[in-house]
Amino acid sequence: MSKKIALFTPFNPVTGGGGTIFRSLIPQLEGAEVHWFYLAESKADIPGATLLGSPVLGGAFVGDALNSARIFVTRKHPMVLEYARKIMEWEPEVVWVNAMNEGLLMGMMLRQLGANKLHVSVHDDPAGLANKSRRYRHLAGFMDRSNRALLQIASSVDVVSEPMKRYYSQRYGVTAGVVYRYLGPFSVSATSAATEPTILVGHVGSAYSAPEVRAFLAALRSLERTDGVRFKVLTFGQSPVFMAAQEEFPGLIDGAGDVPELEVVKRLRQCVFVYSMYSFNRRHRIFRETSQPTKMSTYLMAARPILAHCPEGSSTIEMMTRFKLGACVTSMGQDALINGILRVVEFNLEIANVQAAIDCYCGKKNIDYLEECFGLMQASVDSVSR
C-alpha cells in the first residue's frame, strides 16, 4: 500500500526552478502517493495536484504588509490555517513543505494540526531571498527566525546545495541532505557549436540582477567592435532583465520566451557557451553562496561550456571548478569579463566531466535520500518480507 505524502508549495507546480525540481523527483518515489497542494492564481494542468487558492502574500502594499506581519512575525494567519486544514483532510502520513513564503508558516501549522512527520525542502534561503527584495527586505530577520523554528520541528530536511548544507549546519545546527533536480540515467554526448559567423550565447530563465547582465553585454559589444566578431544571446523563459536590456543593446539579444526544455537543450547545443550569473551586491551574499540555479541542470544536459559571472564564494563556482565546466569571472570589470569571454569561447569541455557532474548533482542519490526520509525504503522491505 502506498504511503500518502502531501506536498505543499506556495507556487504553481508548472512554474519556476522549484517546480522543475519537485516534478523531477515525485515520479521516482517508489511506494509513495504524492498529492501536490499549491497556491496560485490559476490552476495547473497536472495530475495529482490541488489548487488550494490564491497566495496570501503579494498584491497591494498595505494588505501585503499586514499579511506578511501575520505570517512572519505573529506566525498566525486564518487563511494559511484554512489551507492547512484542507491538506490534513486528505489524511497524509507525511507532510512535505517548501520553505518559502507561506510555506514557512504552513509547515508549523500542519504540525500543530497533528501531522506526525514533517519534511522540509529548502531551495532558497528565505532570509537570503528577502534581502534581494525591496518590499520584504525589512522582514529578513523575521523570516530567518521562522525558518529556524520550522527546521527545528522538522523530522527531516533537504537543501539544494552542499554550501547550503554547510551553512545550515553552522547556523542552525541542522543536519540536512542535498537534493537537487533528478535527471535519471541521462547520458550526454559530444556536441559542436553552430559554424555560422555569429557566436551564439545561451541563457535560460531569470537573471538575478541588471548591473551584471549589462556589464556582460557591454563586454560582448566591446569585443564586436575590437575583434570584428558577432554575438547573439539567445534567452529562454521570462527574464525582465534581458528584456529591458534589448533597447540598450539593439540586435544583441534574441528572446525566445517559454520553450519546452528539450527544445531549449537542442538549441543550446548550437551555442558556443552558456551564461550564468549572481549579483555582486553585498546584501545578496547568502543567496548566491547557498542556492543552486536550476538552469545549471539544463546547461549540463546541453553540454556546453559555462561562463559563470559571480563573486568568489558563489555556489556555482564550486560546481564549475570541481568538474571543470567552463570559465569563472569574479569581477565587474570590463577587462575581466572580456578575458573570461575569450577563455570560454576557446574552452575545451570534456564530456566525461559533464557526465560526472550530472551523476553527482542530478543522480539517484537525490531519490535515495528522500525515500529514506519518507520511510519508503523500509516500507518496500516490509512489503517484500510479507
Protein backbone atom coordinates (compact mmCIF):
# COMPACT_ATOMS: atom_id res chain seq x y z
CA MET A 1 0.00 0.00 0.00
CA SER A 2 1.38 3.42 -0.98
CA LYS A 3 2.35 5.95 1.67
CA LYS A 4 0.32 9.16 1.44
CA ILE A 5 2.56 12.23 1.17
CA ALA A 6 1.13 15.74 0.95
CA LEU A 7 3.46 18.26 -0.72
CA PHE A 8 2.79 21.98 -0.26
CA THR A 9 4.32 24.76 -2.36
CA PRO A 10 3.36 28.44 -2.39
CA PHE A 11 3.67 28.45 -6.19
CA ASN A 12 2.21 26.77 -9.24
CA PRO A 13 3.72 23.31 -9.95
CA VAL A 14 4.42 24.16 -13.59
CA THR A 15 6.46 27.31 -12.95
CA GLY A 16 9.96 28.13 -11.78
CA GLY A 17 13.00 26.17 -10.75
CA GLY A 18 11.35 24.79 -7.63
CA GLY A 19 8.54 23.32 -9.69
CA THR A 20 11.08 21.73 -12.03
CA ILE A 21 12.91 20.11 -9.13
CA PHE A 22 9.77 18.71 -7.50
CA ARG A 23 8.37 17.43 -10.82
CA SER A 24 11.61 15.55 -11.44
CA LEU A 25 11.54 13.87 -8.03
CA ILE A 26 7.91 12.86 -7.43
CA PRO A 27 7.53 10.17 -10.15
CA GLN A 28 10.66 8.40 -8.85
CA LEU A 29 9.45 7.93 -5.25
CA GLU A 30 8.61 4.26 -5.22
CA GLY A 31 5.81 3.33 -2.84
CA ALA A 32 4.57 6.89 -2.45
CA GLU A 33 1.28 8.55 -3.34
CA VAL A 34 2.25 12.21 -3.52
CA HIS A 35 -0.53 14.78 -3.73
CA TRP A 36 0.64 18.30 -4.53
CA PHE A 37 -1.23 21.16 -2.80
CA TYR A 38 -0.32 24.63 -4.02
CA LEU A 39 -1.21 28.33 -4.10
CA ALA A 40 -1.62 30.14 -7.40
CA GLU A 41 -3.90 32.46 -9.32
CA SER A 42 -4.70 29.78 -11.89
CA LYS A 43 -4.99 26.01 -11.94
CA ALA A 44 -2.13 23.85 -13.18
CA ASP A 45 -2.74 21.16 -15.76
CA ILE A 46 -1.01 18.45 -13.76
CA PRO A 47 -2.43 15.23 -12.30
CA GLY A 48 -2.40 14.61 -8.58
CA ALA A 49 -2.47 18.29 -7.65
CA THR A 50 -4.96 20.53 -5.85
CA LEU A 51 -5.17 24.31 -6.08
CA LEU A 52 -5.90 25.48 -2.52
CA GLY A 53 -6.46 29.10 -3.50
CA SER A 54 -4.66 32.35 -4.15
CA PRO A 55 -1.35 33.19 -2.48
CA VAL A 56 -1.65 35.09 0.79
CA LEU A 57 1.44 37.20 0.12
CA GLY A 58 1.70 39.73 -2.68
CA GLY A 59 -0.75 42.25 -4.05
CA ALA A 60 -1.41 45.77 -2.75
CA PHE A 61 1.26 47.05 -0.38
CA VAL A 62 -0.88 47.75 2.71
CA GLY A 63 -2.65 44.39 2.62
CA ASP A 64 0.59 42.58 1.90
CA ALA A 65 2.32 44.30 4.82
CA LEU A 66 -0.41 43.09 7.18
CA ASN A 67 -0.32 39.55 5.79
CA SER A 68 3.48 39.47 5.95
CA ALA A 69 3.43 40.53 9.61
CA ARG A 70 0.90 37.81 10.42
CA ILE A 71 2.92 35.11 8.67
CA PHE A 72 6.46 36.00 9.71
CA VAL A 73 6.05 37.96 12.97
CA THR A 74 2.99 36.65 14.86
CA ARG A 75 3.05 33.33 12.91
CA LYS A 76 -0.73 33.20 12.80
CA HIS A 77 -2.90 33.64 9.75
CA PRO A 78 -6.50 32.44 9.31
CA MET A 79 -6.18 31.75 5.58
CA VAL A 80 -2.99 29.70 5.96
CA LEU A 81 -4.73 27.78 8.76
CA GLU A 82 -7.69 27.12 6.47
CA TYR A 83 -5.37 25.85 3.75
CA ALA A 84 -3.58 23.64 6.28
CA ARG A 85 -6.86 22.09 7.38
CA LYS A 86 -7.71 21.26 3.76
CA ILE A 87 -4.39 19.44 3.43
CA MET A 88 -4.99 17.48 6.64
CA GLU A 89 -8.43 16.41 5.39
CA TRP A 90 -6.56 14.24 2.88
CA GLU A 91 -5.10 12.39 5.90
CA PRO A 92 -1.43 12.32 4.82
CA GLU A 93 1.11 10.15 6.60
CA VAL A 94 3.87 12.62 5.71
CA VAL A 95 3.63 16.36 5.03
CA TRP A 96 6.31 17.87 2.81
CA VAL A 97 6.64 21.64 2.57
CA ASN A 98 8.73 24.05 0.56
CA ALA A 99 10.38 26.53 2.97
CA MET A 100 9.41 29.64 1.06
CA ASN A 101 6.87 32.40 1.74
CA GLU A 102 3.65 30.85 3.10
CA GLY A 103 5.43 27.50 3.35
CA LEU A 104 7.30 28.64 6.48
CA LEU A 105 4.05 29.03 8.43
CA MET A 106 2.31 26.15 6.67
CA GLY A 107 4.80 23.61 7.99
CA MET A 108 4.33 24.83 11.57
CA MET A 109 0.54 24.79 11.28
CA LEU A 110 0.48 21.29 9.81
CA ARG A 111 2.49 20.12 12.81
CA GLN A 112 0.05 21.86 15.15
CA LEU A 113 -2.86 20.12 13.40
CA GLY A 114 -1.35 16.73 14.14
CA ALA A 115 0.98 15.89 11.24
CA ASN A 116 3.22 13.12 12.53
CA LYS A 117 6.04 13.53 10.05
CA LEU A 118 7.20 16.82 8.52
CA HIS A 119 9.79 17.02 5.76
CA VAL A 120 11.12 20.42 4.67
CA SER A 121 12.78 21.28 1.34
CA VAL A 122 14.80 24.49 1.09
CA HIS A 123 15.63 25.69 -2.42
CA ASP A 124 16.46 29.28 -1.48
CA ASP A 125 17.31 30.56 1.98
CA PRO A 126 14.23 32.64 2.97
CA ALA A 127 16.20 35.48 4.58
CA GLY A 128 18.69 35.50 1.72
CA LEU A 129 15.83 35.72 -0.76
CA ALA A 130 14.18 38.52 1.23
CA ASN A 131 17.39 40.55 1.18
CA LYS A 132 17.16 40.61 -2.63
CA SER A 133 13.73 42.24 -2.43
CA ARG A 134 12.90 45.86 -1.69
CA ARG A 135 9.45 45.01 -0.32
CA TYR A 136 10.44 42.16 2.01
CA ARG A 137 13.98 43.18 2.96
CA HIS A 138 12.90 44.53 6.37
CA LEU A 139 11.36 41.13 7.16
CA ALA A 140 14.56 39.14 6.54
CA GLY A 141 15.28 38.73 10.25
CA PHE A 142 11.74 37.51 10.97
CA MET A 143 11.93 35.09 8.02
CA ASP A 144 15.22 33.77 9.36
CA ARG A 145 13.67 33.11 12.77
CA SER A 146 10.61 31.47 11.18
CA ASN A 147 12.87 29.28 9.09
CA ARG A 148 14.84 28.27 12.18
CA ALA A 149 11.61 27.40 14.03
CA LEU A 150 10.36 25.34 11.09
CA LEU A 151 13.61 23.41 10.67
CA GLN A 152 13.77 22.62 14.38
CA ILE A 153 10.38 20.87 14.33
CA ALA A 154 11.03 19.07 11.03
CA SER A 155 11.51 15.31 11.01
CA SER A 156 13.94 15.67 8.10
CA VAL A 157 15.32 18.38 5.84
CA ASP A 158 16.79 18.63 2.36
CA VAL A 159 18.63 21.59 0.89
CA VAL A 160 19.62 22.33 -2.67
CA SER A 161 23.41 22.54 -2.44
CA GLU A 162 26.44 21.47 -0.44
CA PRO A 163 27.19 25.11 0.51
CA MET A 164 23.66 25.44 1.91
CA LYS A 165 24.10 22.18 3.82
CA ARG A 166 27.26 23.55 5.43
CA TYR A 167 25.63 26.91 6.15
CA TYR A 168 22.56 25.36 7.81
CA SER A 169 24.73 23.06 9.88
CA GLN A 170 26.74 26.02 11.17
CA ARG A 171 23.85 28.47 11.57
CA TYR A 172 21.02 26.25 12.79
CA GLY A 173 22.70 23.01 13.81
CA VAL A 174 20.54 21.23 11.21
CA THR A 175 21.64 18.00 9.57
CA ALA A 176 20.28 18.04 6.04
CA GLY A 177 20.71 16.06 2.86
CA VAL A 178 21.33 17.64 -0.53
CA VAL A 179 18.53 17.13 -3.04
CA TYR A 180 18.74 18.76 -6.45
CA ARG A 181 16.95 18.02 -9.68
CA TYR A 182 16.82 14.38 -10.83
CA LEU A 183 17.70 13.69 -14.47
CA GLY A 184 17.60 9.90 -14.35
CA PRO A 185 20.14 7.79 -16.24
CA PHE A 186 20.92 10.73 -18.54
CA SER A 187 23.85 10.35 -20.93
CA VAL A 188 25.43 13.33 -22.64
CA SER A 189 27.26 13.24 -25.94
CA ALA A 190 29.79 15.48 -27.60
CA THR A 191 28.31 18.47 -29.40
CA SER A 192 29.66 21.11 -31.72
CA ALA A 193 28.55 24.71 -31.79
CA ALA A 194 26.99 26.23 -34.89
CA THR A 195 29.57 27.12 -37.53
CA GLU A 196 27.86 30.33 -38.63
CA PRO A 197 29.87 33.54 -38.25
CA THR A 198 27.76 34.73 -35.30
CA ILE A 199 28.82 33.36 -31.91
CA LEU A 200 25.68 32.15 -30.14
CA VAL A 201 25.43 32.51 -26.36
CA GLY A 202 22.65 30.81 -24.36
CA HIS A 203 20.80 31.84 -21.23
CA VAL A 204 17.89 30.10 -19.50
CA GLY A 205 15.39 31.51 -17.00
CA SER A 206 15.66 34.59 -14.87
CA ALA A 207 18.68 36.84 -14.45
CA TYR A 208 19.07 37.89 -10.82
CA SER A 209 20.42 41.42 -11.26
CA ALA A 210 20.62 44.02 -14.02
CA PRO A 211 24.10 45.60 -13.49
CA GLU A 212 25.91 42.29 -14.03
CA VAL A 213 23.94 41.50 -17.18
CA ARG A 214 24.57 44.96 -18.61
CA ALA A 215 28.31 44.61 -17.87
CA PHE A 216 28.37 41.23 -19.62
CA LEU A 217 26.51 42.54 -22.66
CA ALA A 218 28.77 45.59 -22.81
CA ALA A 219 31.79 43.26 -22.88
CA LEU A 220 30.28 41.32 -25.79
CA ARG A 221 29.64 44.57 -27.67
CA SER A 222 33.20 45.73 -26.97
CA LEU A 223 34.58 42.53 -28.48
CA GLU A 224 32.39 43.03 -31.53
CA ARG A 225 33.98 46.42 -32.07
CA THR A 226 37.59 45.44 -31.40
CA ASP A 227 37.76 41.88 -32.76
CA GLY A 228 35.28 42.06 -35.63
CA VAL A 229 33.15 39.20 -34.29
CA ARG A 230 29.37 38.99 -33.89
CA PHE A 231 27.48 37.73 -30.84
CA LYS A 232 23.85 36.78 -30.36
CA VAL A 233 22.47 36.00 -26.89
CA LEU A 234 19.59 33.51 -27.06
CA THR A 235 17.38 33.77 -23.95
CA PHE A 236 14.76 31.19 -22.98
CA GLY A 237 12.00 31.72 -20.44
CA GLN A 238 10.97 35.01 -18.85
CA SER A 239 13.79 37.38 -17.95
CA PRO A 240 12.75 41.01 -17.40
CA VAL A 241 16.42 41.99 -17.06
CA PHE A 242 17.31 40.76 -20.55
CA MET A 243 14.08 42.17 -21.98
CA ALA A 244 14.92 45.60 -20.56
CA ALA A 245 18.45 45.37 -21.98
CA GLN A 246 17.22 44.87 -25.56
CA GLU A 247 16.79 48.61 -26.07
CA GLU A 248 20.27 49.40 -24.68
CA PHE A 249 21.93 46.67 -26.78
CA PRO A 250 19.93 46.51 -30.03
CA GLY A 251 20.39 43.37 -32.10
CA LEU A 252 22.36 41.55 -29.41
CA ILE A 253 19.52 39.66 -27.66
CA ASP A 254 17.07 37.19 -29.16
CA GLY A 255 14.31 36.42 -26.64
CA ALA A 256 12.65 33.08 -27.42
CA GLY A 257 10.24 33.17 -24.46
CA ASP A 258 8.83 29.96 -23.00
CA VAL A 259 10.05 26.93 -24.93
CA PRO A 260 9.84 23.21 -23.92
CA GLU A 261 13.05 22.19 -22.22
CA LEU A 262 14.04 19.50 -24.71
CA GLU A 263 13.85 22.12 -27.46
CA VAL A 264 15.85 24.52 -25.29
CA VAL A 265 18.56 21.89 -24.82
CA LYS A 266 18.63 21.26 -28.57
CA ARG A 267 19.09 24.96 -29.30
CA LEU A 268 21.64 25.46 -26.53
CA ARG A 269 23.79 22.79 -28.16
CA GLN A 270 24.23 25.22 -31.06
CA CYS A 271 25.71 27.82 -28.70
CA VAL A 272 29.43 28.34 -28.20
CA PHE A 273 28.82 28.84 -24.48
CA VAL A 274 26.05 29.49 -21.95
CA TYR A 275 25.84 32.19 -19.28
CA SER A 276 25.04 32.14 -15.56
CA MET A 277 25.36 34.98 -13.07
CA TYR A 278 24.87 36.07 -9.48
CA SER A 279 24.57 39.58 -8.12
CA PHE A 280 27.68 41.24 -6.68
CA ASN A 281 25.51 43.22 -4.23
CA ARG A 282 26.72 42.53 -0.68
CA ARG A 283 23.11 42.11 0.55
CA HIS A 284 22.76 39.11 -1.79
CA ARG A 285 25.67 37.16 -0.31
CA ILE A 286 23.68 34.37 1.38
CA PHE A 287 21.54 33.84 -1.71
CA ARG A 288 24.50 33.47 -4.08
CA GLU A 289 26.53 31.36 -1.64
CA THR A 290 23.81 28.79 -0.89
CA SER A 291 21.39 28.48 -3.81
CA GLN A 292 21.87 26.31 -6.90
CA PRO A 293 20.19 27.62 -10.07
CA THR A 294 18.03 25.02 -11.77
CA LYS A 295 19.31 26.37 -15.09
CA MET A 296 22.61 24.65 -14.31
CA SER A 297 20.96 21.25 -14.81
CA THR A 298 19.72 22.39 -18.23
CA TYR A 299 23.22 23.58 -19.10
CA LEU A 300 24.64 20.19 -18.13
CA MET A 301 22.10 18.47 -20.40
CA ALA A 302 23.21 20.73 -23.27
CA ALA A 303 26.89 20.03 -22.55
CA ARG A 304 28.15 23.47 -23.47
CA PRO A 305 30.90 25.44 -21.69
CA ILE A 306 29.55 27.73 -18.97
CA LEU A 307 30.60 31.28 -18.27
CA ALA A 308 29.86 31.96 -14.59
CA HIS A 309 29.85 35.65 -13.68
CA CYS A 310 29.69 35.91 -9.89
CA PRO A 311 31.74 36.83 -6.80
CA GLU A 312 34.13 34.47 -5.08
CA GLY A 313 32.31 32.09 -2.76
CA SER A 314 29.27 31.67 -5.01
CA SER A 315 27.82 28.16 -5.08
CA THR A 316 28.11 27.98 -8.85
CA ILE A 317 31.88 28.35 -8.67
CA GLU A 318 32.12 25.22 -6.52
CA MET A 319 30.34 23.19 -9.22
CA MET A 320 32.32 24.82 -12.02
CA THR A 321 35.77 24.28 -10.55
CA ARG A 322 35.09 20.76 -9.24
CA PHE A 323 34.15 19.46 -12.69
CA LYS A 324 35.98 21.95 -14.97
CA LEU A 325 32.81 23.12 -16.73
CA GLY A 326 33.96 26.46 -18.11
CA ALA A 327 35.29 29.84 -17.00
CA CYS A 328 34.53 31.98 -13.95
CA VAL A 329 34.67 35.77 -13.83
CA THR A 330 34.67 37.16 -10.29
CA SER A 331 34.83 40.87 -11.18
CA MET A 332 32.54 43.51 -12.65
CA GLY A 333 35.45 44.99 -14.59
CA GLN A 334 35.25 45.04 -18.38
CA ASP A 335 38.76 43.67 -18.88
CA ALA A 336 38.00 40.69 -16.63
CA LEU A 337 34.74 40.00 -18.46
CA ILE A 338 36.36 40.26 -21.88
CA ASN A 339 39.15 37.90 -20.83
CA GLY A 340 36.57 35.49 -19.40
CA ILE A 341 34.56 35.51 -22.64
CA LEU A 342 37.70 34.85 -24.67
CA ARG A 343 38.61 31.96 -22.36
CA VAL A 344 35.20 30.29 -22.51
CA VAL A 345 34.99 30.66 -26.30
CA GLU A 346 38.17 28.58 -26.55
CA PHE A 347 37.34 26.26 -23.65
CA ASN A 348 37.60 22.52 -24.32
CA LEU A 349 34.75 20.96 -22.36
CA GLU A 350 35.35 17.29 -21.55
CA ILE A 351 32.15 15.26 -21.89
CA ALA A 352 33.35 12.93 -19.13
CA ASN A 353 33.38 15.89 -16.75
CA VAL A 354 29.84 16.87 -17.73
CA GLN A 355 28.64 13.30 -17.19
CA ALA A 356 30.36 13.20 -13.80
CA ALA A 357 28.64 16.45 -12.79
CA ILE A 358 25.23 15.08 -13.85
CA ASP A 359 25.80 11.87 -11.93
CA CYS A 360 26.91 13.83 -8.86
CA TYR A 361 24.23 16.54 -8.76
CA CYS A 362 21.29 15.03 -10.65
CA GLY A 363 21.60 11.32 -9.94
CA LYS A 364 19.89 8.63 -7.89
CA LYS A 365 21.19 9.83 -4.54
CA ASN A 366 18.54 12.58 -4.64
CA ILE A 367 15.81 9.94 -4.71
CA ASP A 368 17.54 7.66 -2.20
CA TYR A 369 17.70 10.43 0.41
CA LEU A 370 14.03 11.35 0.06
CA GLU A 371 12.92 7.72 0.19
CA GLU A 372 14.90 7.32 3.41
CA CYS A 373 13.33 10.48 4.90
CA PHE A 374 9.82 9.36 3.96
CA GLY A 375 10.33 5.82 5.21
CA LEU A 376 9.74 4.40 1.74
CA MET A 377 12.77 2.11 1.78
CA GLN A 378 11.61 0.37 4.97
CA ALA A 379 8.05 0.17 3.61
CA SER A 380 9.38 -1.53 0.48
CA VAL A 381 11.38 -4.03 2.56
CA ASP A 382 8.35 -4.79 4.74
CA SER A 383 6.19 -5.34 1.66
CA VAL A 384 8.67 -7.82 0.21
CA SER A 385 9.04 -9.70 3.50
CA ARG A 386 5.28 -10.13 3.76
